[in-house]
Amino acid sequence: MANCVVCGRKLTNPSSAKRGMGPVCYSRYLKRQETEVRQEKFADIYLKNIGNGDIVLKRIDGRPATNVPHRQVRHSTTGYEWGYNGSGPADLSLNILLMFVDAEVADFLHQDFKQEYIAVLPEEGGIITRNDILHWIARKYGNYQLKFVI
């Protein structure tokens, strides 16, 4: 009998055993893949149109899309979100800050950034300018050397 490569549970269904994942883990995997493809499409469009490093948050078919690469998953297994205090907004905040500062500083600041910027965004999204982020980091963390990745 095979085990799920994600959660380790025993797989009794032959088709689940063949793909190596149970139905719940496979469903989450497909949803994550769909989200990543949608975000890549969105990012390609907006990174070409907004080359100044502004963060663009928008809903496509009711789902969140942004030009922020999902480099680190810390709080949310379901992806980015905004407009409330939760795990999706926390991961979004962390990944935005990782575009400007190192991991230690991003980890230190991301919950505050979530409170001040991400949790208060309207459901349809918005734009957070690069300058606003840089000024916010400077105000919160002083003269820390920024990465200027964008």
N, C-alpha and C. Protein backbone atom coordinates (compact mmCIF):
# COMPACT_ATOMS: atom_id res chain seq x y z
N MET A 1 0.83 -1.19 0.00
CA MET A 1 0.00 0.00 0.00
C MET A 1 0.87 1.26 0.00
N ALA A 2 0.51 2.24 -0.80
CA ALA A 2 1.26 3.49 -0.90
C ALA A 2 0.75 4.51 0.11
N ASN A 3 1.61 5.47 0.39
CA ASN A 3 1.25 6.59 1.26
C ASN A 3 1.24 7.88 0.46
N CYS A 4 0.41 8.82 0.89
CA CYS A 4 0.35 10.14 0.27
C CYS A 4 1.69 10.85 0.48
N VAL A 5 2.24 11.41 -0.60
CA VAL A 5 3.53 12.10 -0.51
C VAL A 5 3.42 13.42 0.24
N VAL A 6 2.21 13.94 0.41
CA VAL A 6 2.02 15.21 1.09
C VAL A 6 1.79 15.01 2.58
N CYS A 7 0.78 14.22 2.93
CA CYS A 7 0.39 14.08 4.34
C CYS A 7 0.82 12.76 4.97
N GLY A 8 1.21 11.80 4.15
CA GLY A 8 1.68 10.53 4.68
C GLY A 8 0.61 9.49 4.98
N ARG A 9 -0.65 9.83 4.75
CA ARG A 9 -1.72 8.86 5.01
C ARG A 9 -1.67 7.71 4.00
N LYS A 10 -2.19 6.56 4.44
CA LYS A 10 -2.26 5.40 3.55
C LYS A 10 -3.29 5.66 2.45
N LEU A 11 -2.94 5.27 1.25
CA LEU A 11 -3.82 5.46 0.09
C LEU A 11 -4.46 4.12 -0.27
N THR A 12 -5.78 4.05 -0.12
CA THR A 12 -6.49 2.81 -0.41
C THR A 12 -7.11 2.80 -1.80
N ASN A 13 -7.39 3.96 -2.34
CA ASN A 13 -7.96 4.07 -3.68
C ASN A 13 -6.84 3.87 -4.71
N PRO A 14 -7.02 3.00 -5.69
CA PRO A 14 -5.96 2.73 -6.68
C PRO A 14 -5.53 3.97 -7.47
N SER A 15 -6.48 4.82 -7.84
CA SER A 15 -6.10 6.02 -8.61
C SER A 15 -5.32 7.00 -7.72
N SER A 16 -5.68 7.10 -6.45
CA SER A 16 -4.92 7.94 -5.52
C SER A 16 -3.51 7.39 -5.35
N ALA A 17 -3.41 6.08 -5.20
CA ALA A 17 -2.10 5.45 -5.05
C ALA A 17 -1.24 5.68 -6.29
N LYS A 18 -1.86 5.64 -7.47
CA LYS A 18 -1.12 5.83 -8.72
C LYS A 18 -0.55 7.24 -8.81
N ARG A 19 -1.34 8.26 -8.40
CA ARG A 19 -0.83 9.64 -8.49
C ARG A 19 -0.01 10.02 -7.26
N GLY A 20 -0.08 9.20 -6.19
CA GLY A 20 0.74 9.45 -5.01
C GLY A 20 0.15 10.43 -4.01
N MET A 21 -1.10 10.82 -4.22
CA MET A 21 -1.77 11.77 -3.33
C MET A 21 -3.21 11.37 -3.13
N GLY A 22 -3.69 11.60 -1.91
CA GLY A 22 -5.09 11.38 -1.61
C GLY A 22 -5.94 12.48 -2.22
N PRO A 23 -7.27 12.33 -2.19
CA PRO A 23 -8.14 13.29 -2.85
C PRO A 23 -8.06 14.71 -2.26
N VAL A 24 -7.91 14.83 -0.96
CA VAL A 24 -7.85 16.16 -0.34
C VAL A 24 -6.54 16.86 -0.72
N CYS A 25 -5.43 16.15 -0.58
CA CYS A 25 -4.13 16.75 -0.93
C CYS A 25 -4.05 17.05 -2.42
N TYR A 26 -4.62 16.19 -3.26
CA TYR A 26 -4.61 16.42 -4.69
C TYR A 26 -5.44 17.64 -5.07
N SER A 27 -6.58 17.79 -4.42
CA SER A 27 -7.42 18.96 -4.65
C SER A 27 -6.69 20.25 -4.29
N ARG A 28 -6.01 20.25 -3.15
CA ARG A 28 -5.23 21.43 -2.73
C ARG A 28 -4.09 21.70 -3.71
N TYR A 29 -3.45 20.63 -4.16
CA TYR A 29 -2.37 20.76 -5.13
C TYR A 29 -2.87 21.42 -6.42
N LEU A 30 -4.01 20.95 -6.94
CA LEU A 30 -4.57 21.52 -8.17
C LEU A 30 -4.94 22.98 -7.98
N LYS A 31 -5.53 23.30 -6.83
CA LYS A 31 -5.91 24.68 -6.56
C LYS A 31 -4.68 25.58 -6.51
N ARG A 32 -3.62 25.10 -5.86
CA ARG A 32 -2.37 25.88 -5.78
C ARG A 32 -1.78 26.08 -7.17
N GLN A 33 -1.79 25.02 -8.00
CA GLN A 33 -1.26 25.13 -9.36
C GLN A 33 -2.05 26.16 -10.17
N GLU A 34 -3.37 26.11 -10.03
CA GLU A 34 -4.24 27.04 -10.75
C GLU A 34 -3.95 28.48 -10.30
N THR A 35 -3.78 28.67 -9.01
CA THR A 35 -3.49 30.00 -8.47
C THR A 35 -2.15 30.50 -8.98
N GLU A 36 -1.14 29.63 -9.00
CA GLU A 36 0.18 30.04 -9.45
C GLU A 36 0.17 30.42 -10.93
N VAL A 37 -0.54 29.66 -11.76
CA VAL A 37 -0.64 29.98 -13.18
C VAL A 37 -1.33 31.32 -13.37
N ARG A 38 -2.44 31.54 -12.64
CA ARG A 38 -3.17 32.80 -12.75
C ARG A 38 -2.29 33.96 -12.29
N GLN A 39 -1.55 33.76 -11.20
CA GLN A 39 -0.69 34.83 -10.70
C GLN A 39 0.46 35.11 -11.64
N GLU A 40 1.02 34.06 -12.27
CA GLU A 40 2.09 34.28 -13.23
C GLU A 40 1.59 35.08 -14.43
N LYS A 41 0.40 34.72 -14.92
CA LYS A 41 -0.19 35.46 -16.03
C LYS A 41 -0.39 36.92 -15.65
N PHE A 42 -0.97 37.12 -14.48
CA PHE A 42 -1.22 38.47 -13.97
C PHE A 42 0.09 39.22 -13.80
N ALA A 43 1.09 38.56 -13.22
CA ALA A 43 2.38 39.21 -12.97
C ALA A 43 3.05 39.60 -14.28
N ASP A 44 2.99 38.74 -15.29
CA ASP A 44 3.58 39.06 -16.58
C ASP A 44 2.97 40.34 -17.15
N ILE A 45 1.65 40.42 -17.09
CA ILE A 45 0.96 41.59 -17.63
C ILE A 45 1.35 42.85 -16.86
N TYR A 46 1.27 42.79 -15.54
CA TYR A 46 1.47 43.99 -14.75
C TYR A 46 2.93 44.36 -14.54
N LEU A 47 3.81 43.39 -14.54
CA LEU A 47 5.23 43.75 -14.42
C LEU A 47 5.70 44.45 -15.68
N LYS A 48 5.12 44.11 -16.83
CA LYS A 48 5.46 44.82 -18.06
C LYS A 48 4.89 46.24 -18.04
N ASN A 49 3.71 46.39 -17.49
CA ASN A 49 3.05 47.69 -17.49
C ASN A 49 3.47 48.58 -16.32
N ILE A 50 3.88 47.97 -15.22
CA ILE A 50 4.28 48.76 -14.05
C ILE A 50 5.68 48.33 -13.68
N GLY A 51 6.65 48.95 -14.33
CA GLY A 51 8.04 48.59 -14.12
C GLY A 51 8.69 49.31 -12.97
N ASN A 52 7.92 50.07 -12.22
CA ASN A 52 8.51 50.87 -11.15
C ASN A 52 8.49 50.17 -9.79
N GLY A 53 8.04 48.92 -9.74
CA GLY A 53 8.07 48.18 -8.49
C GLY A 53 6.84 48.32 -7.63
N ASP A 54 5.79 48.96 -8.14
CA ASP A 54 4.55 49.04 -7.37
C ASP A 54 3.93 47.65 -7.24
N ILE A 55 3.25 47.41 -6.13
CA ILE A 55 2.58 46.15 -5.89
C ILE A 55 1.14 46.28 -6.36
N VAL A 56 0.73 45.38 -7.23
CA VAL A 56 -0.62 45.41 -7.80
C VAL A 56 -1.39 44.21 -7.25
N LEU A 57 -2.56 44.48 -6.68
CA LEU A 57 -3.42 43.44 -6.13
C LEU A 57 -4.78 43.57 -6.78
N LYS A 58 -5.25 42.47 -7.35
CA LYS A 58 -6.50 42.51 -8.10
C LYS A 58 -7.17 41.15 -8.00
N ARG A 59 -8.47 41.12 -8.21
CA ARG A 59 -9.19 39.85 -8.26
C ARG A 59 -9.46 39.49 -9.71
N ILE A 60 -9.16 38.25 -10.06
CA ILE A 60 -9.47 37.72 -11.37
C ILE A 60 -10.40 36.54 -11.13
N ASP A 61 -11.60 36.62 -11.68
CA ASP A 61 -12.63 35.60 -11.44
C ASP A 61 -12.88 35.41 -9.94
N GLY A 62 -12.81 36.50 -9.20
CA GLY A 62 -13.08 36.47 -7.76
C GLY A 62 -11.93 35.99 -6.90
N ARG A 63 -10.82 35.64 -7.53
CA ARG A 63 -9.68 35.12 -6.78
C ARG A 63 -8.53 36.12 -6.80
N PRO A 64 -7.73 36.15 -5.73
CA PRO A 64 -6.64 37.12 -5.67
C PRO A 64 -5.54 36.83 -6.69
N ALA A 65 -5.03 37.91 -7.28
CA ALA A 65 -3.89 37.83 -8.18
C ALA A 65 -3.00 39.04 -7.92
N THR A 66 -1.71 38.85 -8.03
CA THR A 66 -0.78 39.93 -7.74
C THR A 66 0.52 39.72 -8.49
N ASN A 67 1.33 40.76 -8.54
CA ASN A 67 2.65 40.67 -9.16
C ASN A 67 3.73 40.38 -8.12
N VAL A 68 3.34 39.86 -6.97
CA VAL A 68 4.28 39.50 -5.91
C VAL A 68 4.60 38.01 -6.03
N PRO A 69 5.85 37.65 -6.29
CA PRO A 69 6.20 36.23 -6.35
C PRO A 69 5.97 35.55 -5.00
N HIS A 70 5.47 34.34 -5.03
CA HIS A 70 5.21 33.60 -3.79
C HIS A 70 6.45 32.78 -3.45
N ARG A 71 7.45 33.45 -2.89
CA ARG A 71 8.73 32.82 -2.60
C ARG A 71 8.72 32.03 -1.31
N GLN A 72 7.95 32.50 -0.34
CA GLN A 72 7.96 31.84 0.95
C GLN A 72 6.54 31.63 1.45
N VAL A 73 6.23 30.40 1.85
CA VAL A 73 4.95 30.07 2.45
C VAL A 73 5.20 29.86 3.93
N ARG A 74 4.62 30.71 4.76
CA ARG A 74 4.84 30.59 6.18
C ARG A 74 3.54 30.36 6.94
N HIS A 75 2.49 31.07 6.54
CA HIS A 75 1.25 31.05 7.32
C HIS A 75 0.09 30.36 6.60
N SER A 76 0.02 30.47 5.29
CA SER A 76 -1.16 30.06 4.55
C SER A 76 -0.85 28.98 3.53
N THR A 77 -1.63 27.90 3.57
CA THR A 77 -1.48 26.86 2.55
C THR A 77 -2.37 27.12 1.34
N THR A 78 -3.24 28.11 1.44
CA THR A 78 -4.18 28.38 0.34
C THR A 78 -3.81 29.59 -0.50
N GLY A 79 -2.74 30.30 -0.18
CA GLY A 79 -2.29 31.40 -1.02
C GLY A 79 -2.54 32.77 -0.43
N TYR A 80 -2.29 33.77 -1.25
CA TYR A 80 -2.41 35.17 -0.84
C TYR A 80 -3.86 35.58 -0.66
N GLU A 81 -4.04 36.59 0.17
CA GLU A 81 -5.36 37.21 0.36
C GLU A 81 -5.12 38.58 0.97
N TRP A 82 -6.14 39.40 1.02
CA TRP A 82 -6.06 40.72 1.64
C TRP A 82 -7.44 41.13 2.13
N GLY A 83 -7.49 42.24 2.88
CA GLY A 83 -8.75 42.78 3.35
C GLY A 83 -9.17 42.31 4.73
N TYR A 84 -8.33 41.56 5.41
CA TYR A 84 -8.61 41.10 6.78
C TYR A 84 -7.29 40.66 7.41
N ASN A 85 -7.32 40.37 8.70
CA ASN A 85 -6.13 39.88 9.39
C ASN A 85 -6.16 38.36 9.40
N GLY A 86 -5.31 37.74 8.63
CA GLY A 86 -5.31 36.29 8.57
C GLY A 86 -4.01 35.77 7.99
N SER A 87 -4.00 34.47 7.71
CA SER A 87 -2.77 33.83 7.24
C SER A 87 -2.43 34.21 5.80
N GLY A 88 -3.43 34.31 4.92
CA GLY A 88 -3.17 34.73 3.54
C GLY A 88 -2.59 36.13 3.47
N PRO A 89 -3.18 37.10 4.19
CA PRO A 89 -2.58 38.43 4.23
C PRO A 89 -1.18 38.45 4.85
N ALA A 90 -0.94 37.58 5.83
CA ALA A 90 0.39 37.52 6.46
C ALA A 90 1.44 37.05 5.45
N ASP A 91 1.12 36.01 4.66
CA ASP A 91 2.06 35.54 3.65
C ASP A 91 2.28 36.59 2.56
N LEU A 92 1.22 37.28 2.18
CA LEU A 92 1.36 38.35 1.19
C LEU A 92 2.29 39.44 1.73
N SER A 93 2.09 39.85 2.96
CA SER A 93 2.94 40.88 3.58
C SER A 93 4.39 40.45 3.62
N LEU A 94 4.62 39.23 4.05
CA LEU A 94 5.98 38.71 4.14
C LEU A 94 6.65 38.72 2.77
N ASN A 95 5.96 38.25 1.76
CA ASN A 95 6.55 38.17 0.43
C ASN A 95 6.74 39.54 -0.22
N ILE A 96 5.88 40.49 0.10
CA ILE A 96 6.11 41.86 -0.38
C ILE A 96 7.40 42.39 0.22
N LEU A 97 7.54 42.25 1.53
CA LEU A 97 8.73 42.78 2.19
C LEU A 97 10.01 42.07 1.74
N LEU A 98 9.90 40.79 1.40
CA LEU A 98 11.08 40.07 0.90
C LEU A 98 11.60 40.64 -0.41
N MET A 99 10.78 41.42 -1.09
CA MET A 99 11.22 42.07 -2.32
C MET A 99 12.11 43.28 -2.03
N PHE A 100 12.11 43.74 -0.76
CA PHE A 100 12.82 44.96 -0.41
C PHE A 100 13.90 44.78 0.65
N VAL A 101 13.73 43.82 1.53
CA VAL A 101 14.67 43.62 2.63
C VAL A 101 15.00 42.14 2.76
N ASP A 102 15.98 41.82 3.60
CA ASP A 102 16.33 40.41 3.79
C ASP A 102 15.29 39.69 4.63
N ALA A 103 15.42 38.37 4.71
CA ALA A 103 14.41 37.53 5.37
C ALA A 103 14.23 37.87 6.84
N GLU A 104 15.30 38.18 7.52
CA GLU A 104 15.20 38.49 8.95
C GLU A 104 14.37 39.74 9.20
N VAL A 105 14.63 40.77 8.43
CA VAL A 105 13.88 42.03 8.59
C VAL A 105 12.44 41.84 8.13
N ALA A 106 12.24 41.15 7.02
CA ALA A 106 10.88 40.89 6.53
C ALA A 106 10.07 40.14 7.57
N ASP A 107 10.68 39.14 8.18
CA ASP A 107 10.00 38.37 9.22
C ASP A 107 9.64 39.26 10.40
N PHE A 108 10.53 40.14 10.76
CA PHE A 108 10.32 41.04 11.89
C PHE A 108 9.18 42.04 11.63
N LEU A 109 9.07 42.51 10.39
CA LEU A 109 8.13 43.59 10.07
C LEU A 109 6.80 43.16 9.46
N HIS A 110 6.69 41.93 8.97
CA HIS A 110 5.55 41.62 8.11
C HIS A 110 4.19 41.68 8.80
N GLN A 111 4.11 41.39 10.08
CA GLN A 111 2.80 41.47 10.75
C GLN A 111 2.34 42.93 10.88
N ASP A 112 3.28 43.84 11.15
CA ASP A 112 2.92 45.27 11.19
C ASP A 112 2.50 45.77 9.81
N PHE A 113 3.23 45.33 8.78
CA PHE A 113 2.88 45.72 7.42
C PHE A 113 1.50 45.21 7.05
N LYS A 114 1.21 43.99 7.47
CA LYS A 114 -0.11 43.41 7.22
C LYS A 114 -1.19 44.28 7.85
N GLN A 115 -0.99 44.68 9.09
CA GLN A 115 -1.99 45.49 9.81
C GLN A 115 -2.23 46.83 9.11
N GLU A 116 -1.15 47.47 8.69
CA GLU A 116 -1.24 48.84 8.16
C GLU A 116 -1.62 48.91 6.68
N TYR A 117 -1.27 47.89 5.91
CA TYR A 117 -1.51 47.97 4.46
C TYR A 117 -2.43 46.88 3.93
N ILE A 118 -2.18 45.64 4.28
CA ILE A 118 -2.86 44.52 3.63
C ILE A 118 -4.25 44.27 4.20
N ALA A 119 -4.39 44.31 5.51
CA ALA A 119 -5.68 44.03 6.14
C ALA A 119 -6.73 45.08 5.81
N VAL A 120 -6.30 46.27 5.48
CA VAL A 120 -7.25 47.37 5.23
C VAL A 120 -7.55 47.58 3.74
N LEU A 121 -6.94 46.79 2.87
CA LEU A 121 -7.23 46.92 1.44
C LEU A 121 -8.68 46.52 1.15
N PRO A 122 -9.31 47.20 0.21
CA PRO A 122 -10.66 46.77 -0.18
C PRO A 122 -10.60 45.40 -0.86
N GLU A 123 -11.70 44.71 -0.86
CA GLU A 123 -11.76 43.36 -1.42
C GLU A 123 -11.31 43.30 -2.86
N GLU A 124 -11.62 44.33 -3.65
CA GLU A 124 -11.24 44.30 -5.06
C GLU A 124 -9.74 44.51 -5.27
N GLY A 125 -9.02 44.93 -4.23
CA GLY A 125 -7.58 45.10 -4.33
C GLY A 125 -7.16 46.55 -4.43
N GLY A 126 -5.99 46.76 -4.98
CA GLY A 126 -5.46 48.11 -5.11
C GLY A 126 -3.98 48.05 -5.47
N ILE A 127 -3.34 49.22 -5.36
CA ILE A 127 -1.91 49.34 -5.65
C ILE A 127 -1.23 49.91 -4.42
N ILE A 128 -0.12 49.29 -4.04
CA ILE A 128 0.73 49.82 -2.98
C ILE A 128 2.02 50.26 -3.67
N THR A 129 2.33 51.52 -3.61
CA THR A 129 3.48 52.02 -4.37
C THR A 129 4.79 51.61 -3.71
N ARG A 130 5.78 51.46 -4.55
CA ARG A 130 7.13 51.14 -4.09
C ARG A 130 7.61 52.20 -3.10
N ASN A 131 7.35 53.47 -3.41
CA ASN A 131 7.78 54.55 -2.52
C ASN A 131 7.12 54.45 -1.15
N ASP A 132 5.83 54.12 -1.13
CA ASP A 132 5.15 53.96 0.16
C ASP A 132 5.79 52.85 0.98
N ILE A 133 6.13 51.75 0.32
CA ILE A 133 6.76 50.63 1.02
C ILE A 133 8.14 51.04 1.55
N LEU A 134 8.94 51.69 0.72
CA LEU A 134 10.28 52.10 1.14
C LEU A 134 10.22 53.09 2.30
N HIS A 135 9.29 54.03 2.24
CA HIS A 135 9.14 54.98 3.34
C HIS A 135 8.65 54.29 4.61
N TRP A 136 7.73 53.34 4.46
CA TRP A 136 7.22 52.61 5.61
C TRP A 136 8.35 51.83 6.28
N ILE A 137 9.17 51.14 5.49
CA ILE A 137 10.29 50.38 6.04
C ILE A 137 11.26 51.31 6.76
N ALA A 138 11.58 52.44 6.14
CA ALA A 138 12.50 53.39 6.76
C ALA A 138 11.94 53.92 8.08
N ARG A 139 10.65 54.20 8.10
CA ARG A 139 10.01 54.70 9.33
C ARG A 139 10.01 53.63 10.43
N LYS A 140 9.74 52.38 10.04
CA LYS A 140 9.65 51.30 11.02
C LYS A 140 11.00 50.78 11.46
N TYR A 141 11.95 50.75 10.53
CA TYR A 141 13.21 50.05 10.81
C TYR A 141 14.42 50.98 10.74
N GLY A 142 14.21 52.24 10.49
CA GLY A 142 15.32 53.18 10.46
C GLY A 142 16.08 53.11 9.15
N ASN A 143 17.37 53.25 9.24
CA ASN A 143 18.22 53.34 8.06
C ASN A 143 18.78 51.99 7.63
N TYR A 144 17.98 50.95 7.76
CA TYR A 144 18.42 49.63 7.34
C TYR A 144 18.68 49.63 5.84
N GLN A 145 19.74 48.94 5.43
CA GLN A 145 20.07 48.87 4.00
C GLN A 145 19.05 48.03 3.25
N LEU A 146 18.35 48.63 2.32
CA LEU A 146 17.31 47.96 1.55
C LEU A 146 17.93 47.16 0.41
N LYS A 147 17.25 46.10 0.00
CA LYS A 147 17.77 45.24 -1.07
C LYS A 147 17.57 45.86 -2.45
N PHE A 148 16.52 46.63 -2.65
CA PHE A 148 16.16 47.19 -3.95
C PHE A 148 16.17 46.12 -5.03
N VAL A 149 15.45 45.05 -4.76
CA VAL A 149 15.35 43.94 -5.70
C VAL A 149 14.60 44.35 -6.95
N ILE A 150 13.59 45.16 -6.78
CA ILE A 150 12.74 45.54 -7.92
C ILE A 150 13.44 46.59 -8.75
